[in-house]
Amino acid sequence: MVDKSRIEELALEAAQEEQKELLSPAQKISKFGSFVAGGMAACVAVTVTNPIELVKTRMQLQGELSATNQRVYTNPVQAMYVIFRNEGVLSLQKGLMAAYVYQIALNGCRLGFYEPTRAFMNRICYPDEVPHSVQNPVINVVAGASAGIIGAILGSPLYLVKTRLQSYSDSVAIGEQTRYKGVWDGLRTIYKSEGIKGLYRGTDAAIMRTGAGSAVQLPIYNVTKALIKDNNLLQEGTALHLTASMIAGFGVAIVMNPWDVILTRIYNQKGDLYKGPIDCFVKTVKIEGPTALYKGFGAQVFRIAPHTILCLTMMEQTMKLVYNIEKKTLA
């Protein structure tokens, strides 16, 4: 006589194997492979968006703790022209090397650890399901925030140097000015004068900013992508990836901008202008008004929309590339 429980067990295993075949490359590759693919995608994106990141940084710093609201830069296009005219075309890529290393740390973790973290949580909450097949919004948000926070901590010293490199100008002084010859000179100078503690100045603000952005980026992207596919609006492909990426990018910009302003100001300060992110938040709102938290929002959208589109779209390709390499290597 055939054991009924054994039949059910075999049926479940068969169903799970069938579901595994439907998994995307991002859900099949190793943690290291996810890290590499995420970092590669982010570096491609940041090469294109670094000039607008520079503009955003300066717009967030102008009028800092001043009721007069100094406006050297009035909008992203005008700001880019002013920087180009006064400092030259190469100045638009200030901080690019720091941005590369930062993106590898941040997005390598954020994009690379998102799926493993989500799968781990799904195994606990849904033991009878294939971990990657479950789309629980709460788990997705927690996984996204957790992966982003890991990346923010690892990449914090690079973002610190990048902010100071981008804010420095020989022609127009916006915010406190710190001059470094480059990313390594910046790291070395900070370490010599302030030690490890100085390199990790503002990490608490970075956690808030990145946690907020990461908590919504991939969940919005995945949910939007699933809704579009389920309603047969678009099929799997570039158009679907671009549409979901644009929606995700706009959502991230709205949620993250206030924390981004605070992070920029804390990283750029040389002394103790702010005791921490909450102190920065209170002082900024008190002196400049609540709208100051959305300084540079136009530049943020112009930056984060193409960055998110390029990053997530490229990630689909880099995940496939890394998966194929791993598949051949392990075959």
Protein backbone atom coordinates (compact mmCIF):
# COMPACT_ATOMS: atom_id res chain seq x y z
CA MET A 1 0.00 0.00 0.00
CA VAL A 2 1.35 3.42 -1.02
CA ASP A 3 1.99 5.84 1.84
CA LYS A 4 -0.35 8.80 1.28
CA SER A 5 1.92 11.21 3.14
CA ARG A 6 4.84 10.17 0.94
CA ILE A 7 2.79 10.87 -2.21
CA GLU A 8 1.92 14.34 -0.90
CA GLU A 9 5.58 14.95 -0.05
CA LEU A 10 6.70 13.97 -3.56
CA ALA A 11 3.99 16.14 -5.11
CA LEU A 12 5.15 19.13 -3.04
CA GLU A 13 8.78 18.55 -4.05
CA ALA A 14 7.77 18.34 -7.71
CA ALA A 15 5.78 21.57 -7.44
CA GLN A 16 8.71 23.30 -5.77
CA GLU A 17 11.11 22.15 -8.49
CA GLU A 18 8.70 23.40 -11.14
CA GLN A 19 8.51 26.79 -9.41
CA LYS A 20 12.30 26.96 -9.17
CA GLU A 21 12.53 26.68 -12.96
CA LEU A 22 10.45 29.86 -13.19
CA LEU A 23 12.79 31.86 -10.96
CA SER A 24 14.69 34.77 -12.48
CA PRO A 25 18.51 34.76 -12.66
CA ALA A 26 18.53 37.23 -9.73
CA GLN A 27 16.90 34.57 -7.59
CA LYS A 28 19.23 31.76 -8.69
CA ILE A 29 22.74 33.19 -8.47
CA SER A 30 25.02 33.15 -5.42
CA LYS A 31 25.29 35.96 -2.87
CA PHE A 32 28.69 36.92 -4.24
CA GLY A 33 27.30 36.87 -7.78
CA SER A 34 24.44 39.15 -6.69
CA PHE A 35 26.94 41.53 -5.09
CA VAL A 36 29.05 41.68 -8.28
CA ALA A 37 26.05 42.10 -10.59
CA GLY A 38 24.52 44.81 -8.41
CA GLY A 39 27.81 46.72 -8.24
CA MET A 40 28.36 46.52 -12.00
CA ALA A 41 24.87 47.83 -12.75
CA ALA A 42 25.25 50.69 -10.28
CA CYS A 43 28.60 51.84 -11.73
CA VAL A 44 27.15 52.08 -15.22
CA ALA A 45 24.29 54.16 -13.87
CA VAL A 46 26.43 56.51 -11.76
CA THR A 47 28.69 57.36 -14.71
CA VAL A 48 25.69 58.95 -16.40
CA THR A 49 24.09 60.55 -13.35
CA ASN A 50 27.12 61.87 -11.42
CA PRO A 51 26.87 65.42 -12.92
CA ILE A 52 23.30 65.84 -11.69
CA GLU A 53 24.35 64.36 -8.33
CA LEU A 54 26.90 67.18 -8.07
CA VAL A 55 24.20 69.73 -8.89
CA LYS A 56 21.88 68.19 -6.28
CA THR A 57 24.57 68.38 -3.60
CA ARG A 58 25.19 72.08 -4.18
CA MET A 59 21.50 72.96 -4.35
CA GLN A 60 20.91 71.18 -1.03
CA LEU A 61 23.72 73.17 0.61
CA GLN A 62 22.87 76.64 -0.68
CA GLY A 63 21.20 78.88 1.87
CA GLU A 64 22.24 76.51 4.67
CA LEU A 65 20.88 77.79 8.01
CA SER A 66 20.15 81.16 6.43
CA ALA A 67 16.72 82.78 6.47
CA THR A 68 17.62 84.73 3.29
CA ASN A 69 17.71 81.48 1.25
CA GLN A 70 20.71 82.25 -0.98
CA ARG A 71 20.05 81.01 -4.53
CA VAL A 72 23.13 80.81 -6.70
CA TYR A 73 21.57 77.81 -8.43
CA THR A 74 17.92 78.23 -9.37
CA ASN A 75 17.21 74.95 -11.15
CA PRO A 76 19.17 71.86 -12.27
CA VAL A 77 19.74 73.02 -15.85
CA GLN A 78 20.90 76.51 -14.81
CA ALA A 79 23.09 75.02 -12.09
CA MET A 80 24.81 72.65 -14.49
CA TYR A 81 25.46 75.53 -16.90
CA VAL A 82 26.91 77.74 -14.13
CA ILE A 83 29.23 74.96 -12.94
CA PHE A 84 30.30 74.20 -16.52
CA ARG A 85 30.94 77.89 -17.28
CA ASN A 86 32.87 78.64 -14.08
CA GLU A 87 34.72 75.35 -13.50
CA GLY A 88 34.90 73.53 -16.81
CA VAL A 89 33.40 70.33 -18.19
CA LEU A 90 35.55 67.99 -16.08
CA SER A 91 34.19 69.56 -12.90
CA LEU A 92 30.82 67.96 -13.65
CA GLN A 93 32.37 64.59 -12.84
CA LYS A 94 33.85 65.62 -9.49
CA GLY A 95 33.74 62.76 -7.00
CA LEU A 96 33.18 60.11 -9.69
CA MET A 97 35.83 57.70 -8.39
CA ALA A 98 34.43 57.96 -4.87
CA ALA A 99 30.96 57.42 -6.34
CA TYR A 100 32.12 54.22 -8.07
CA VAL A 101 33.50 52.67 -4.91
CA TYR A 102 30.48 53.85 -2.93
CA GLN A 103 28.05 52.39 -5.46
CA ILE A 104 29.83 49.04 -5.40
CA ALA A 105 29.49 48.94 -1.61
CA LEU A 106 25.97 50.35 -1.42
CA ASN A 107 24.25 48.81 -4.41
CA GLY A 108 26.30 45.65 -4.30
CA CYS A 109 24.77 45.14 -0.85
CA ARG A 110 21.37 46.67 -1.55
CA LEU A 111 20.75 44.81 -4.78
CA GLY A 112 22.87 41.79 -3.93
CA PHE A 113 21.57 41.04 -0.43
CA TYR A 114 17.94 41.94 -1.08
CA GLU A 115 16.93 38.58 -2.56
CA PRO A 116 18.88 36.43 -0.03
CA THR A 117 17.47 38.47 2.87
CA ARG A 118 13.94 38.25 1.50
CA ALA A 119 14.30 34.51 0.91
CA PHE A 120 15.59 33.97 4.47
CA MET A 121 12.59 35.82 5.93
CA ASN A 122 10.18 33.96 3.65
CA ARG A 123 11.61 30.61 4.79
CA ILE A 124 10.74 31.55 8.35
CA CYS A 125 7.28 32.95 7.61
CA TYR A 126 6.30 30.60 4.74
CA PRO A 127 8.11 27.27 5.36
CA ASP A 128 5.91 25.36 2.90
CA GLU A 129 6.47 27.71 -0.03
CA VAL A 130 9.41 28.23 -2.39
CA PRO A 131 11.11 31.19 -0.63
CA HIS A 132 11.69 33.36 -3.70
CA SER A 133 8.15 32.90 -5.02
CA VAL A 134 6.45 34.70 -2.11
CA GLN A 135 5.84 38.45 -2.49
CA ASN A 136 4.92 39.77 0.96
CA PRO A 137 5.02 43.63 0.96
CA VAL A 138 6.14 43.88 4.61
CA ILE A 139 8.93 41.35 4.13
CA ASN A 140 9.98 43.10 0.90
CA VAL A 141 10.23 46.47 2.68
CA VAL A 142 12.20 45.05 5.62
CA ALA A 143 14.54 43.15 3.29
CA GLY A 144 15.11 46.23 1.14
CA ALA A 145 15.81 48.47 4.13
CA SER A 146 18.12 45.91 5.77
CA ALA A 147 20.20 45.39 2.63
CA GLY A 148 20.42 49.14 2.06
CA ILE A 149 21.56 49.85 5.61
CA ILE A 150 24.39 47.31 5.30
CA GLY A 151 25.55 49.06 2.15
CA ALA A 152 25.22 52.53 3.70
CA ILE A 153 27.48 51.57 6.61
CA LEU A 154 30.14 50.04 4.35
CA GLY A 155 30.08 52.94 1.91
CA SER A 156 29.71 55.84 4.36
CA PRO A 157 33.36 57.06 4.22
CA LEU A 158 33.20 57.18 0.42
CA TYR A 159 29.97 59.17 0.41
CA LEU A 160 31.51 61.57 2.94
CA VAL A 161 34.49 62.27 0.66
CA LYS A 162 32.29 62.39 -2.45
CA THR A 163 30.06 65.05 -0.88
CA ARG A 164 33.03 67.25 0.04
CA LEU A 165 34.65 66.83 -3.37
CA GLN A 166 31.42 67.83 -5.10
CA SER A 167 30.65 70.79 -2.84
CA TYR A 168 34.09 72.37 -3.25
CA SER A 169 34.38 75.21 -5.78
CA ASP A 170 37.08 77.81 -6.49
CA SER A 171 34.51 80.18 -7.95
CA VAL A 172 31.28 79.85 -5.94
CA ALA A 173 31.49 78.84 -2.27
CA ILE A 174 28.37 76.93 -1.24
CA GLY A 175 28.37 75.54 2.29
CA GLU A 176 31.56 74.78 4.17
CA GLN A 177 34.49 74.18 1.81
CA THR A 178 37.00 71.33 2.16
CA ARG A 179 39.63 70.78 -0.51
CA TYR A 180 40.98 67.30 -1.35
CA LYS A 181 43.18 66.26 -4.28
CA GLY A 182 41.05 63.19 -4.80
CA VAL A 183 39.20 60.38 -3.06
CA TRP A 184 42.25 58.71 -1.52
CA ASP A 185 43.66 62.04 -0.36
CA GLY A 186 40.30 62.76 1.26
CA LEU A 187 40.18 59.44 3.09
CA ARG A 188 43.79 59.79 4.23
CA THR A 189 43.33 63.40 5.40
CA ILE A 190 40.21 62.60 7.41
CA TYR A 191 41.82 59.54 8.99
CA LYS A 192 44.95 61.49 10.00
CA SER A 193 43.00 64.32 11.62
CA GLU A 194 39.93 62.51 13.02
CA GLY A 195 40.68 58.79 12.95
CA ILE A 196 38.16 56.05 12.18
CA LYS A 197 35.46 58.05 13.95
CA GLY A 198 35.91 60.86 11.44
CA LEU A 199 35.58 58.51 8.47
CA TYR A 200 32.25 57.32 9.82
CA ARG A 201 30.89 60.77 10.65
CA GLY A 202 27.23 60.90 9.67
CA THR A 203 26.70 57.14 9.38
CA ASP A 204 23.49 57.45 11.40
CA ALA A 205 22.16 59.94 8.84
CA ALA A 206 23.28 57.61 6.02
CA ILE A 207 21.33 54.75 7.60
CA MET A 208 18.18 56.88 7.74
CA ARG A 209 18.55 58.09 4.15
CA THR A 210 19.48 54.76 2.61
CA GLY A 211 17.06 52.77 4.71
CA ALA A 212 14.21 55.02 3.55
CA GLY A 213 15.23 54.78 -0.11
CA SER A 214 15.98 51.07 -0.08
CA ALA A 215 12.77 50.25 1.75
CA VAL A 216 10.72 51.51 -1.19
CA GLN A 217 12.93 51.09 -4.29
CA LEU A 218 12.91 47.36 -4.95
CA PRO A 219 9.46 46.69 -3.43
CA ILE A 220 7.89 49.39 -5.66
CA TYR A 221 9.82 48.05 -8.66
CA ASN A 222 8.80 44.43 -8.03
CA VAL A 223 5.17 45.18 -7.20
CA THR A 224 4.79 47.52 -10.20
CA LYS A 225 6.41 44.98 -12.49
CA ALA A 226 4.11 42.22 -11.21
CA LEU A 227 0.96 44.37 -11.54
CA ILE A 228 1.82 45.34 -15.11
CA LYS A 229 2.48 41.72 -16.08
CA ASP A 230 -0.59 40.37 -14.26
CA ASN A 231 -2.83 42.85 -16.08
CA ASN A 232 -1.18 42.03 -19.43
CA LEU A 233 -0.20 45.66 -20.01
CA LEU A 234 3.37 44.75 -20.95
CA GLN A 235 5.31 41.54 -21.40
CA GLU A 236 8.68 40.72 -19.85
CA GLY A 237 11.33 42.86 -21.53
CA THR A 238 12.99 46.27 -21.68
CA ALA A 239 9.74 48.29 -21.83
CA LEU A 240 8.45 46.61 -18.68
CA HIS A 241 11.76 47.17 -16.85
CA LEU A 242 11.87 50.85 -17.84
CA THR A 243 8.28 51.52 -16.79
CA ALA A 244 8.65 49.83 -13.40
CA SER A 245 12.00 51.59 -12.87
CA MET A 246 10.57 55.06 -13.56
CA ILE A 247 7.76 54.56 -11.08
CA ALA A 248 10.18 53.19 -8.48
CA GLY A 249 12.56 56.10 -9.03
CA PHE A 250 9.91 58.74 -8.45
CA GLY A 251 8.73 56.99 -5.29
CA VAL A 252 12.29 56.87 -3.95
CA ALA A 253 12.82 60.59 -4.66
CA ILE A 254 9.74 61.59 -2.65
CA VAL A 255 10.59 59.42 0.35
CA MET A 256 14.35 60.00 0.42
CA ASN A 257 14.86 63.71 -0.34
CA PRO A 258 14.46 65.11 3.21
CA TRP A 259 16.95 62.56 4.56
CA ASP A 260 19.24 63.24 1.61
CA VAL A 261 19.36 66.97 2.44
CA ILE A 262 20.23 66.15 6.05
CA LEU A 263 22.90 63.65 5.03
CA THR A 264 24.54 66.09 2.60
CA ARG A 265 24.76 68.80 5.24
CA ILE A 266 26.13 66.55 7.96
CA TYR A 267 28.77 65.08 5.65
CA ASN A 268 29.81 68.48 4.35
CA GLN A 269 30.31 70.12 7.76
CA LYS A 270 33.91 70.43 8.97
CA GLY A 271 33.13 71.18 12.60
CA ASP A 272 30.12 70.60 14.80
CA LEU A 273 27.45 72.61 13.06
CA TYR A 274 25.05 69.74 13.73
CA LYS A 275 25.12 67.24 16.59
CA GLY A 276 23.39 64.62 14.47
CA PRO A 277 20.60 64.02 11.92
CA ILE A 278 17.76 65.01 14.25
CA ASP A 279 19.54 68.21 15.26
CA CYS A 280 20.14 68.97 11.57
CA PHE A 281 16.48 68.30 10.80
CA VAL A 282 15.27 70.63 13.56
CA LYS A 283 17.70 73.46 12.74
CA THR A 284 16.98 73.27 9.02
CA VAL A 285 13.20 73.41 9.47
CA LYS A 286 13.37 76.08 12.18
CA ILE A 287 15.61 78.49 10.25
CA GLU A 288 14.80 77.74 6.59
CA GLY A 289 11.30 76.32 6.85
CA PRO A 290 9.90 72.84 6.00
CA THR A 291 10.39 73.36 2.26
CA ALA A 292 14.16 73.31 2.83
CA LEU A 293 13.89 69.54 3.24
CA TYR A 294 13.00 69.41 -0.46
CA LYS A 295 15.85 71.58 -1.70
CA GLY A 296 17.33 70.00 -4.78
CA PHE A 297 14.20 67.88 -5.35
CA GLY A 298 14.17 68.65 -9.07
CA ALA A 299 17.78 67.53 -9.33
CA GLN A 300 16.95 64.53 -7.16
CA VAL A 301 14.24 63.42 -9.60
CA PHE A 302 16.50 64.09 -12.61
CA ARG A 303 19.21 62.04 -10.91
CA ILE A 304 17.30 59.24 -9.30
CA ALA A 305 14.90 58.53 -12.17
CA PRO A 306 17.62 57.80 -14.78
CA HIS A 307 19.85 56.26 -12.09
CA THR A 308 17.09 53.88 -11.00
CA ILE A 309 16.14 53.12 -14.59
CA LEU A 310 19.73 52.44 -15.63
CA CYS A 311 20.59 50.58 -12.43
CA LEU A 312 17.59 48.26 -12.34
CA THR A 313 17.49 47.75 -16.11
CA MET A 314 21.23 47.02 -16.21
CA MET A 315 20.80 44.75 -13.21
CA GLU A 316 18.50 42.52 -15.23
CA GLN A 317 21.34 42.12 -17.75
CA THR A 318 24.23 41.82 -15.26
CA MET A 319 22.28 39.22 -13.26
CA LYS A 320 21.86 37.17 -16.44
CA LEU A 321 25.55 37.59 -17.27
CA VAL A 322 26.74 36.53 -13.81
CA TYR A 323 24.21 33.67 -13.71
CA ASN A 324 25.45 32.31 -17.04
CA ILE A 325 29.07 32.57 -15.86
CA GLU A 326 28.27 30.75 -12.62
CA LYS A 327 26.25 28.14 -14.47
CA LYS A 328 29.14 27.38 -16.84
CA THR A 329 31.69 27.45 -14.03
CA LEU A 330 29.73 25.07 -11.82
CA ALA A 331 28.60 22.80 -14.67
